[in-house]
Amino acid sequence: MTIRKATLEDAEAIAKVHVASWQTTYKGIMDEGFLQKLSVEKRKELWLNNIPREESIVLVAELDGEIVGFADGSPVKEGEYPGYGGDITSIYFYEEHQGKSFGKQLLNRLLDGFRQQGFTNAIVKVLEDNAACRFYETLGARRIDEHIIEVAGGKANLLTYAWDKL
């Protein structure tokens, strides 16, 4: 697997991973109708905006020349979780590439990017029913917050995990 910085040319491939991974990851957690209506075109627009943002780190994971996963991180929003620097906003892989340590490799590269930006710690927000909670816990993150949010026409418990030292 190769990990590299995303380019604008990667936006559509990232969008495809984004939609497909949401449809598998959040099945049974979010409304099925909402998940089926997710649009690669709309996600592509999102990534065309996110990739060039100076404060963002967008990475892709390639296997045999195909983008099979991606990660996105940026500074923690001002006023949110004071004292924390980096915010991991996305790490997703196609379902068939999950559980192969690719996520760990991608996360470590994203955390390296945070270190290069001068951050010494980071957070990630995860829906409580998402199996990624165990992934982050296994990699040393600790839960620091939780609250109910509205998502996809329903309510869900959003957990915030942190690494206090990168």
C-alpha atoms as a PDB file:
ATOM      1  CA  MET A   1       0.000   0.000   0.000  1.00  0.00           C
ATOM      2  CA  THR A   2       1.196   3.489  -0.868  1.00  0.00           C
ATOM      3  CA  ILE A   3       0.152   6.558   1.125  1.00  0.00           C
ATOM      4  CA  ARG A   4       0.480   9.992  -0.425  1.00  0.00           C
ATOM      5  CA  LYS A   5      -0.924  13.500  -0.273  1.00  0.00           C
ATOM      6  CA  ALA A   6      -4.177  13.804  -2.207  1.00  0.00           C
ATOM      7  CA  THR A   7      -4.422  15.902  -5.354  1.00  0.00           C
ATOM      8  CA  LEU A   8      -7.490  17.446  -6.965  1.00  0.00           C
ATOM      9  CA  GLU A   9      -7.397  14.612  -9.510  1.00  0.00           C
ATOM     10  CA  ASP A  10      -8.123  12.215  -6.612  1.00  0.00           C
ATOM     11  CA  ALA A  11     -11.397  13.908  -5.619  1.00  0.00           C
ATOM     12  CA  GLU A  12     -13.702  11.526  -7.481  1.00  0.00           C
ATOM     13  CA  ALA A  13     -11.913   8.391  -6.240  1.00  0.00           C
ATOM     14  CA  ILE A  14     -12.010   9.725  -2.670  1.00  0.00           C
ATOM     15  CA  ALA A  15     -15.725  10.483  -3.094  1.00  0.00           C
ATOM     16  CA  LYS A  16     -16.374   6.910  -4.234  1.00  0.00           C
ATOM     17  CA  VAL A  17     -14.591   5.493  -1.178  1.00  0.00           C
ATOM     18  CA  HIS A  18     -16.422   8.006   1.024  1.00  0.00           C
ATOM     19  CA  VAL A  19     -19.889   7.018  -0.191  1.00  0.00           C
ATOM     20  CA  ALA A  20     -19.239   3.259  -0.274  1.00  0.00           C
ATOM     21  CA  SER A  21     -17.627   3.216   3.163  1.00  0.00           C
ATOM     22  CA  TRP A  22     -20.455   5.241   4.717  1.00  0.00           C
ATOM     23  CA  GLN A  23     -22.968   2.825   3.221  1.00  0.00           C
ATOM     24  CA  THR A  24     -21.211  -0.158   4.830  1.00  0.00           C
ATOM     25  CA  THR A  25     -19.889   1.446   8.030  1.00  0.00           C
ATOM     26  CA  TYR A  26     -23.142   3.127   9.036  1.00  0.00           C
ATOM     27  CA  LYS A  27     -25.571   0.415   7.907  1.00  0.00           C
ATOM     28  CA  GLY A  28     -27.847  -0.209  10.878  1.00  0.00           C
ATOM     29  CA  ILE A  29     -26.579   2.977  12.557  1.00  0.00           C
ATOM     30  CA  MET A  30     -28.000   5.603  10.179  1.00  0.00           C
ATOM     31  CA  ASP A  31     -31.214   5.618   8.180  1.00  0.00           C
ATOM     32  CA  GLU A  32     -30.851   3.292   5.180  1.00  0.00           C
ATOM     33  CA  GLY A  33     -32.691   5.732   2.896  1.00  0.00           C
ATOM     34  CA  PHE A  34     -30.223   8.475   3.808  1.00  0.00           C
ATOM     35  CA  LEU A  35     -27.266   6.196   3.093  1.00  0.00           C
ATOM     36  CA  GLN A  36     -28.629   5.111  -0.281  1.00  0.00           C
ATOM     37  CA  LYS A  37     -29.121   8.745  -1.334  1.00  0.00           C
ATOM     38  CA  LEU A  38     -25.467   9.646  -0.750  1.00  0.00           C
ATOM     39  CA  SER A  39     -24.038  11.074  -3.948  1.00  0.00           C
ATOM     40  CA  VAL A  40     -20.543  10.596  -5.328  1.00  0.00           C
ATOM     41  CA  GLU A  41     -20.966  13.896  -7.210  1.00  0.00           C
ATOM     42  CA  LYS A  42     -21.763  15.859  -4.029  1.00  0.00           C
ATOM     43  CA  ARG A  43     -18.902  14.200  -2.152  1.00  0.00           C
ATOM     44  CA  LYS A  44     -16.593  14.989  -5.069  1.00  0.00           C
ATOM     45  CA  GLU A  45     -17.495  18.681  -4.685  1.00  0.00           C
ATOM     46  CA  LEU A  46     -16.699  18.423  -0.966  1.00  0.00           C
ATOM     47  CA  TRP A  47     -13.261  16.961  -1.719  1.00  0.00           C
ATOM     48  CA  LEU A  48     -12.533  19.462  -4.475  1.00  0.00           C
ATOM     49  CA  ASN A  49     -12.960  22.102  -1.744  1.00  0.00           C
ATOM     50  CA  ASN A  50     -11.154  20.219   1.060  1.00  0.00           C
ATOM     51  CA  ILE A  51      -8.047  18.999  -0.756  1.00  0.00           C
ATOM     52  CA  PRO A  52      -6.531  22.436  -1.523  1.00  0.00           C
ATOM     53  CA  ARG A  53      -7.315  23.939   1.898  1.00  0.00           C
ATOM     54  CA  GLU A  54      -3.979  25.011   3.353  1.00  0.00           C
ATOM     55  CA  GLU A  55      -4.839  23.897   6.881  1.00  0.00           C
ATOM     56  CA  SER A  56      -6.042  20.432   5.816  1.00  0.00           C
ATOM     57  CA  ILE A  57      -4.074  17.224   5.467  1.00  0.00           C
ATOM     58  CA  VAL A  58      -5.774  14.920   2.968  1.00  0.00           C
ATOM     59  CA  LEU A  59      -4.043  11.600   2.323  1.00  0.00           C
ATOM     60  CA  VAL A  60      -4.952   8.700   0.078  1.00  0.00           C
ATOM     61  CA  ALA A  61      -4.085   5.022   0.368  1.00  0.00           C
ATOM     62  CA  GLU A  62      -3.433   3.294  -2.943  1.00  0.00           C
ATOM     63  CA  LEU A  63      -3.237  -0.402  -3.640  1.00  0.00           C
ATOM     64  CA  ASP A  64      -2.142  -1.502  -7.108  1.00  0.00           C
ATOM     65  CA  GLY A  65      -2.755   2.034  -8.390  1.00  0.00           C
ATOM     66  CA  GLU A  66      -6.314   2.255  -7.021  1.00  0.00           C
ATOM     67  CA  ILE A  67      -7.360   4.563  -4.194  1.00  0.00           C
ATOM     68  CA  VAL A  68      -8.859   2.264  -1.563  1.00  0.00           C
ATOM     69  CA  GLY A  69      -8.913   4.627   1.419  1.00  0.00           C
ATOM     70  CA  PHE A  70      -8.326   8.173   2.580  1.00  0.00           C
ATOM     71  CA  ALA A  71      -7.802  10.294   5.668  1.00  0.00           C
ATOM     72  CA  ASP A  72      -8.472  13.946   6.386  1.00  0.00           C
ATOM     73  CA  GLY A  73      -7.324  16.101   9.265  1.00  0.00           C
ATOM     74  CA  SER A  74      -7.223  19.759  10.180  1.00  0.00           C
ATOM     75  CA  PRO A  75      -6.751  21.957  13.235  1.00  0.00           C
ATOM     76  CA  VAL A  76      -9.388  21.624  15.947  1.00  0.00           C
ATOM     77  CA  LYS A  77     -12.065  24.280  15.419  1.00  0.00           C
ATOM     78  CA  GLU A  78     -11.501  27.386  17.501  1.00  0.00           C
ATOM     79  CA  GLY A  79     -13.197  27.152  20.892  1.00  0.00           C
ATOM     80  CA  GLU A  80     -13.746  23.408  20.566  1.00  0.00           C
ATOM     81  CA  TYR A  81     -11.624  21.177  22.818  1.00  0.00           C
ATOM     82  CA  PRO A  82      -9.169  23.850  24.016  1.00  0.00           C
ATOM     83  CA  GLY A  83      -5.630  22.562  24.315  1.00  0.00           C
ATOM     84  CA  TYR A  84      -5.981  20.056  21.475  1.00  0.00           C
ATOM     85  CA  GLY A  85      -4.333  20.708  18.114  1.00  0.00           C
ATOM     86  CA  GLY A  86      -5.224  18.201  15.406  1.00  0.00           C
ATOM     87  CA  ASP A  87      -8.703  16.954  14.486  1.00  0.00           C
ATOM     88  CA  ILE A  88      -8.961  13.702  12.534  1.00  0.00           C
ATOM     89  CA  THR A  89     -12.100  14.316  10.534  1.00  0.00           C
ATOM     90  CA  SER A  90     -12.112  11.193   8.322  1.00  0.00           C
ATOM     91  CA  ILE A  91     -10.461   7.837   7.891  1.00  0.00           C
ATOM     92  CA  TYR A  92     -12.316   5.497   5.561  1.00  0.00           C
ATOM     93  CA  PHE A  93     -11.510   2.439   3.473  1.00  0.00           C
ATOM     94  CA  TYR A  94     -13.526   0.242   1.185  1.00  0.00           C
ATOM     95  CA  GLU A  95     -14.945  -2.533   3.365  1.00  0.00           C
ATOM     96  CA  GLU A  96     -12.776  -5.240   1.774  1.00  0.00           C
ATOM     97  CA  HIS A  97      -9.636  -3.329   2.815  1.00  0.00           C
ATOM     98  CA  GLN A  98     -10.605  -2.857   6.463  1.00  0.00           C
ATOM     99  CA  GLY A  99      -8.950  -4.928   9.181  1.00  0.00           C
ATOM    100  CA  LYS A 100      -5.645  -5.255   7.301  1.00  0.00           C
ATOM    101  CA  SER A 101      -3.642  -2.643   9.278  1.00  0.00           C
ATOM    102  CA  PHE A 102      -4.023  -0.141   6.420  1.00  0.00           C
ATOM    103  CA  GLY A 103      -6.005   2.167   8.704  1.00  0.00           C
ATOM    104  CA  LYS A 104      -3.231   2.133  11.290  1.00  0.00           C
ATOM    105  CA  GLN A 105      -0.664   3.056   8.641  1.00  0.00           C
ATOM    106  CA  LEU A 106      -2.846   5.865   7.322  1.00  0.00           C
ATOM    107  CA  LEU A 107      -3.584   7.184  10.816  1.00  0.00           C
ATOM    108  CA  ASN A 108       0.121   7.205  11.672  1.00  0.00           C
ATOM    109  CA  ARG A 109       0.903   9.231   8.534  1.00  0.00           C
ATOM    110  CA  LEU A 110      -1.854  11.705   9.415  1.00  0.00           C
ATOM    111  CA  LEU A 111      -0.492  12.038  12.958  1.00  0.00           C
ATOM    112  CA  ASP A 112       2.989  12.613  11.460  1.00  0.00           C
ATOM    113  CA  GLY A 113       1.448  15.450   9.449  1.00  0.00           C
ATOM    114  CA  PHE A 114       0.004  16.933  12.630  1.00  0.00           C
ATOM    115  CA  ARG A 115       3.444  16.767  14.276  1.00  0.00           C
ATOM    116  CA  GLN A 116       4.930  18.597  11.287  1.00  0.00           C
ATOM    117  CA  GLN A 117       2.298  21.310  11.780  1.00  0.00           C
ATOM    118  CA  GLY A 118       3.456  21.643  15.403  1.00  0.00           C
ATOM    119  CA  PHE A 119       0.578  19.792  17.053  1.00  0.00           C
ATOM    120  CA  THR A 120       1.409  17.650  20.073  1.00  0.00           C
ATOM    121  CA  ASN A 121      -2.014  16.043  20.468  1.00  0.00           C
ATOM    122  CA  ALA A 122      -5.141  15.223  18.492  1.00  0.00           C
ATOM    123  CA  ILE A 123      -8.813  14.298  18.705  1.00  0.00           C
ATOM    124  CA  VAL A 124     -11.214  12.217  16.659  1.00  0.00           C
ATOM    125  CA  LYS A 125     -15.016  12.099  16.853  1.00  0.00           C
ATOM    126  CA  VAL A 126     -16.773   8.780  16.279  1.00  0.00           C
ATOM    127  CA  LEU A 127     -20.372   7.587  16.487  1.00  0.00           C
ATOM    128  CA  GLU A 128     -20.665   5.257  19.464  1.00  0.00           C
ATOM    129  CA  ASP A 129     -21.976   2.331  17.409  1.00  0.00           C
ATOM    130  CA  ASN A 130     -19.090   2.561  14.924  1.00  0.00           C
ATOM    131  CA  ALA A 131     -16.539  -0.263  15.200  1.00  0.00           C
ATOM    132  CA  ALA A 132     -13.817   2.377  14.742  1.00  0.00           C
ATOM    133  CA  CYS A 133     -14.144   3.169  18.464  1.00  0.00           C
ATOM    134  CA  ARG A 134     -12.230  -0.036  19.229  1.00  0.00           C
ATOM    135  CA  PHE A 135      -9.697   0.822  16.513  1.00  0.00           C
ATOM    136  CA  TYR A 136      -8.879   4.168  18.149  1.00  0.00           C
ATOM    137  CA  GLU A 137      -8.844   2.700  21.660  1.00  0.00           C
ATOM    138  CA  THR A 138      -6.413  -0.002  20.518  1.00  0.00           C
ATOM    139  CA  LEU A 139      -4.145   2.725  19.151  1.00  0.00           C
ATOM    140  CA  GLY A 140      -4.018   4.537  22.490  1.00  0.00           C
ATOM    141  CA  ALA A 141      -6.811   7.095  22.249  1.00  0.00           C
ATOM    142  CA  ARG A 142      -8.914   7.739  25.339  1.00  0.00           C
ATOM    143  CA  ARG A 143     -12.496   8.940  25.438  1.00  0.00           C
ATOM    144  CA  ILE A 144     -12.764  12.531  26.632  1.00  0.00           C
ATOM    145  CA  ASP A 145     -16.323  13.523  25.739  1.00  0.00           C
ATOM    146  CA  GLU A 146     -19.683  12.344  24.453  1.00  0.00           C
ATOM    147  CA  HIS A 147     -22.916  13.993  23.455  1.00  0.00           C
ATOM    148  CA  ILE A 148     -26.052  13.321  21.447  1.00  0.00           C
ATOM    149  CA  ILE A 149     -26.161  14.729  17.919  1.00  0.00           C
ATOM    150  CA  GLU A 150     -28.752  14.742  15.159  1.00  0.00           C
ATOM    151  CA  VAL A 151     -27.578  12.879  12.097  1.00  0.00           C
ATOM    152  CA  ALA A 152     -29.417  11.537   9.050  1.00  0.00           C
ATOM    153  CA  GLY A 153     -32.826  12.279  10.553  1.00  0.00           C
ATOM    154  CA  GLY A 154     -32.084  10.525  13.839  1.00  0.00           C
ATOM    155  CA  LYS A 155     -30.061  10.896  17.006  1.00  0.00           C
ATOM    156  CA  ALA A 156     -26.725   9.280  17.796  1.00  0.00           C
ATOM    157  CA  ASN A 157     -24.152   9.394  20.563  1.00  0.00           C
ATOM    158  CA  LEU A 158     -20.966  11.066  19.335  1.00  0.00           C
ATOM    159  CA  LEU A 159     -17.819  10.121  21.236  1.00  0.00           C
ATOM    160  CA  THR A 160     -14.647  12.193  21.212  1.00  0.00           C
ATOM    161  CA  TYR A 161     -11.333  10.407  21.664  1.00  0.00           C
ATOM    162  CA  ALA A 162      -7.947  12.027  22.213  1.00  0.00           C
ATOM    163  CA  TRP A 163      -4.284  11.290  22.039  1.00  0.00           C
ATOM    164  CA  ASP A 164      -2.681  13.573  24.616  1.00  0.00           C
ATOM    165  CA  LYS A 165       0.805  13.034  23.217  1.00  0.00           C
ATOM    166  CA  LEU A 166       1.583  12.325  19.585  1.00  0.00           C
END
